[in-house]
Protein backbone atom coordinates (compact mmCIF):
# COMPACT_ATOMS: atom_id res chain seq x y z
CA UNK A 1 15.50 -22.94 -23.34
CA UNK A 2 16.68 -20.35 -20.83
CA UNK A 3 17.16 -17.78 -23.64
CA UNK A 4 13.74 -18.17 -24.80
CA UNK A 5 12.38 -17.56 -21.11
CA UNK A 6 14.46 -14.53 -20.89
CA UNK A 7 12.96 -12.83 -24.06
CA UNK A 8 10.57 -9.85 -24.07
CA UNK A 9 8.25 -11.64 -26.33
CA UNK A 10 7.80 -14.79 -23.77
CA UNK A 11 7.19 -12.45 -20.72
CA UNK A 12 4.54 -10.48 -22.95
CA UNK A 13 2.87 -13.84 -23.98
CA UNK A 14 2.43 -15.11 -20.50
CA UNK A 15 1.28 -11.84 -19.13
CA UNK A 16 -1.41 -11.58 -21.98
CA UNK A 17 -2.60 -15.34 -21.28
CA UNK A 18 -2.82 -14.75 -17.52
CA UNK A 19 -4.77 -11.57 -18.13
CA UNK A 20 -7.35 -13.24 -20.30
CA UNK A 21 -7.43 -16.48 -18.20
CA UNK A 22 -8.43 -14.43 -15.12
CA UNK A 23 -10.47 -11.77 -16.47
CA UNK A 24 -12.23 -14.13 -18.83
CA UNK A 25 -14.20 -16.06 -15.97
CA UNK A 26 -16.06 -12.80 -15.57
CA UNK A 27 -17.52 -12.99 -19.19
CA UNK A 28 -17.68 -16.63 -20.11
CA UNK A 29 -19.34 -19.45 -17.86
CA UNK A 30 -16.78 -22.13 -18.41
CA UNK A 31 -16.03 -24.39 -15.66
CA UNK A 32 -12.57 -25.49 -16.78
CA UNK A 33 -11.47 -21.99 -17.45
CA UNK A 34 -12.99 -21.07 -13.87
CA UNK A 35 -10.97 -23.86 -12.16
CA UNK A 36 -7.77 -23.08 -13.91
CA UNK A 37 -8.35 -19.23 -13.08
CA UNK A 38 -8.73 -19.95 -9.48
CA UNK A 39 -5.60 -22.11 -9.23
CA UNK A 40 -3.55 -19.60 -11.26
CA UNK A 41 -4.73 -17.14 -8.55
CA UNK A 42 -3.61 -19.38 -5.75
CA UNK A 43 -0.33 -19.78 -7.21
CA UNK A 44 0.49 -16.17 -7.72
CA UNK A 45 -0.79 -15.49 -4.12
CA UNK A 46 1.67 -18.20 -2.87
CA UNK A 47 4.50 -16.57 -4.94
CA UNK A 48 3.58 -13.53 -3.27
CA UNK A 49 3.84 -14.82 -0.01
CA UNK A 50 7.11 -16.43 -0.70
CA UNK A 51 8.42 -12.78 -1.71
CA UNK A 52 7.71 -11.85 1.87
CA UNK A 53 10.71 -14.38 2.84
CA UNK A 54 12.94 -12.50 0.22
CA UNK A 55 12.24 -9.16 1.85
CA UNK A 56 12.96 -10.57 5.20
CA UNK A 57 16.37 -11.92 4.14
CA UNK A 58 17.13 -8.64 2.58
CA UNK A 59 16.02 -6.49 5.77
CA UNK A 60 18.18 -8.98 7.85
CA UNK A 61 21.24 -8.80 5.82
CA UNK A 62 20.97 -5.06 5.50
CA UNK A 63 20.34 -4.45 9.43
CA UNK A 64 23.33 -6.91 10.38
CA UNK A 65 25.65 -5.00 8.29
CA UNK A 66 24.51 -1.83 9.68
CA UNK A 67 24.89 -3.36 13.25
CA UNK A 68 28.17 -4.68 12.48
CA UNK A 69 29.35 -1.51 11.17
CA UNK A 70 28.02 0.29 14.30
CA UNK A 71 26.37 2.87 11.63
CA UNK A 72 24.07 5.51 12.69
CA UNK A 73 21.16 4.27 14.33
CA UNK A 74 22.46 0.71 14.59
CA UNK A 75 20.55 -0.05 17.81
CA UNK A 76 17.15 0.65 16.07
CA UNK A 77 18.19 -2.11 13.57
CA UNK A 78 19.18 -4.30 16.05
CA UNK A 79 15.67 -4.00 17.82
CA UNK A 80 14.06 -4.31 14.49
CA UNK A 81 15.44 -7.67 13.68
CA UNK A 82 15.20 -8.98 17.38
CA UNK A 83 11.24 -8.18 17.31
CA UNK A 84 10.61 -9.37 13.73
CA UNK A 85 12.34 -12.74 14.54
CA UNK A 86 10.72 -12.99 18.10
CA UNK A 87 7.20 -12.23 17.04
CA UNK A 88 7.58 -14.62 14.03
CA UNK A 89 8.71 -17.16 16.33
CA UNK A 90 5.86 -16.69 18.90
CA UNK A 91 3.27 -16.56 16.04
CA UNK A 92 4.57 -20.04 14.76
CA UNK A 93 4.50 -21.73 18.38
CA UNK A 94 1.47 -20.22 19.97
CA UNK A 95 -0.48 -19.05 17.17
CA UNK A 96 -1.60 -15.59 15.61
CA UNK A 97 -4.56 -15.37 18.03
CA UNK A 98 -2.65 -16.39 21.29
CA UNK A 99 -2.28 -13.90 24.05
CA UNK A 100 1.63 -13.77 23.63
CA UNK A 101 1.25 -12.80 19.80
CA UNK A 102 -1.49 -10.37 20.62
CA UNK A 103 0.73 -8.86 23.26
CA UNK A 104 3.31 -7.94 20.43
CA UNK A 105 0.34 -6.57 18.35
CA UNK A 106 -0.82 -4.19 21.04
CA UNK A 107 2.50 -3.41 22.67
CA UNK A 108 4.70 -2.85 19.66
CA UNK A 109 3.02 -2.67 16.27
CA UNK A 110 0.02 -0.36 17.27
CA UNK A 111 1.82 2.17 19.00
CA UNK A 112 4.52 2.00 16.19
CA UNK A 113 1.85 2.66 13.65
CA UNK A 114 0.59 5.39 15.70
CA UNK A 115 3.75 7.16 15.91
CA UNK A 116 4.48 6.97 12.21
CA UNK A 117 1.23 8.22 11.29
CA UNK A 118 1.50 11.22 13.69
CA UNK A 119 4.85 12.01 12.27
CA UNK A 120 3.61 11.85 8.63
CA UNK A 121 0.63 13.94 9.44
CA UNK A 122 2.80 16.80 10.98
CA UNK A 123 5.00 16.49 7.91
CA UNK A 124 2.14 16.76 5.69
CA UNK A 125 0.43 19.47 7.24
CA UNK A 126 3.45 21.44 7.48
CA UNK A 127 4.14 20.88 3.77
CA UNK A 128 0.72 21.94 2.85
CA UNK A 129 0.94 24.96 4.80
CA UNK A 130 4.23 26.00 2.79
CA UNK A 131 2.97 24.95 -0.51
CA UNK A 132 -0.57 25.95 -0.43
CA UNK A 133 -1.71 29.60 -0.74
CA UNK A 134 -5.13 31.01 -1.21
CA UNK A 135 -4.49 33.02 -4.30
CA UNK A 136 -7.98 32.20 -5.71
CA UNK A 137 -11.50 31.59 -4.48
CA UNK A 138 -11.31 28.09 -5.26
CA UNK A 139 -7.98 27.65 -3.44
CA UNK A 140 -9.41 29.64 -0.32
CA UNK A 141 -12.47 27.10 -0.28
CA UNK A 142 -10.22 24.43 -0.46
CA UNK A 143 -8.05 25.60 2.28
CA UNK A 144 -11.15 26.59 4.72
CA UNK A 145 -12.65 23.07 3.87
CA UNK A 146 -9.32 21.39 4.86
CA UNK A 147 -9.12 23.36 7.97
CA UNK A 148 -12.50 22.36 9.02
CA UNK A 149 -11.93 18.83 8.37
CA UNK A 150 -8.65 18.67 10.55
CA UNK A 151 -10.37 20.71 13.48
CA UNK A 152 -13.51 18.57 13.34
CA UNK A 153 -11.31 15.25 13.44
CA UNK A 154 -9.66 16.41 16.67
CA UNK A 155 -11.66 15.06 19.76
CA UNK A 156 -10.73 18.30 21.74
CA UNK A 157 -12.41 20.47 19.22
CA UNK A 158 -15.79 18.81 19.89
CA UNK A 159 -15.80 20.41 23.42
CA UNK A 160 -15.28 23.97 22.54
CA UNK A 161 -16.85 23.83 18.79
CA UNK A 162 -19.48 21.13 18.37
CA UNK A 163 -20.64 22.45 15.24
CA UNK A 164 -17.21 21.64 13.54
CA UNK A 165 -17.99 18.01 13.75
CA UNK A 166 -21.30 18.36 11.99
CA UNK A 167 -19.51 20.56 9.23
CA UNK A 168 -16.88 18.05 8.93
CA UNK A 169 -19.41 15.21 8.41
CA UNK A 170 -20.95 17.13 5.90
CA UNK A 171 -17.80 17.92 3.82
CA UNK A 172 -16.61 14.36 3.94
CA UNK A 173 -20.15 12.74 3.10
CA UNK A 174 -20.75 15.00 0.12
CA UNK A 175 -18.00 16.88 -1.68
CA UNK A 176 -15.10 14.58 -0.18
CA UNK A 177 -17.03 11.45 -1.25
CA UNK A 178 -17.52 12.84 -4.76
CA UNK A 179 -13.65 13.79 -5.08
CA UNK A 180 -12.67 10.21 -4.13
CA UNK A 181 -14.84 8.54 -6.58
CA UNK A 182 -13.61 10.62 -9.22
CA UNK A 183 -10.06 9.88 -8.01
CA UNK A 184 -11.03 5.99 -7.93
CA UNK A 185 -12.29 6.15 -11.27
CA UNK A 186 -9.16 7.98 -12.72
CA UNK A 187 -6.92 5.54 -10.96
CA UNK A 188 -9.13 2.56 -12.30
CA UNK A 189 -8.78 4.00 -15.84
CA UNK A 190 -5.26 4.61 -15.73
CA UNK A 191 -4.60 0.97 -14.38
CA UNK A 192 -6.38 -0.24 -17.34
CA UNK A 193 -4.45 2.03 -19.75
CA UNK A 194 -1.29 0.81 -18.11
CA UNK A 195 -2.13 -2.97 -18.34
CA UNK A 196 -3.13 -2.53 -22.24
CA UNK A 197 0.22 -1.00 -22.73
CA UNK A 198 2.05 -3.50 -20.86
CA UNK A 199 0.32 -6.46 -22.80
CA UNK A 200 0.85 -4.64 -26.00
CA UNK A 201 4.70 -4.17 -25.21
CA UNK A 202 4.72 -0.56 -24.96
CA UNK A 203 5.75 -0.21 -21.29
CA UNK A 204 8.87 -2.69 -21.29
CA UNK A 205 10.36 -1.21 -18.06
CA UNK A 206 7.45 -2.23 -16.16
CA UNK A 207 8.23 -6.05 -16.77
CA UNK A 208 12.13 -5.65 -16.39
CA UNK A 209 13.18 -4.69 -20.04
CA UNK A 210 14.97 -1.51 -21.21
CA UNK A 211 13.36 0.49 -24.02
CA UNK A 212 9.75 1.04 -25.22
């Protein structure tokens, strides 16, 4: 029995059946199929939530190993583990809407997210400045538009150059919106193609099997 479950064909059959069950409710009005699809989605959601426990175990094991070895940056790993378990304990005891839990949200998570975002923004800006060159009229327009959008996002720019805010709003609501929709359509088509290739067995690596 275990050998059958480990076969590539079994995984493909389960993936194909799950796909047709979940998507079939949008094309066929069958109450039994809709109920089964809802239960299937609920079971998958529970499994995804359980995977968080696996990630927590993996992170705890790795962090404790670095702390025991006194590796570079081990105090940050210790702080991470203490914060994770302390925040989880407060959430279980007092609830997610309690003042104690929200204190962790506003005092730790939000500042940490802002720091990470600011660091990534500087890295991305410096990488774009090094890699991007205005070697054509199209590239120059793209570079100028990017600079206008970046400057228009800064609150300080609105004091010295208010017109940049209006220019940023025009660019983001017209050209940027059109580009984002094209990108969304491309990603959607790519996801559909990848799903079809997985169902037909042409992307075996995506389901944990070697070869095509």
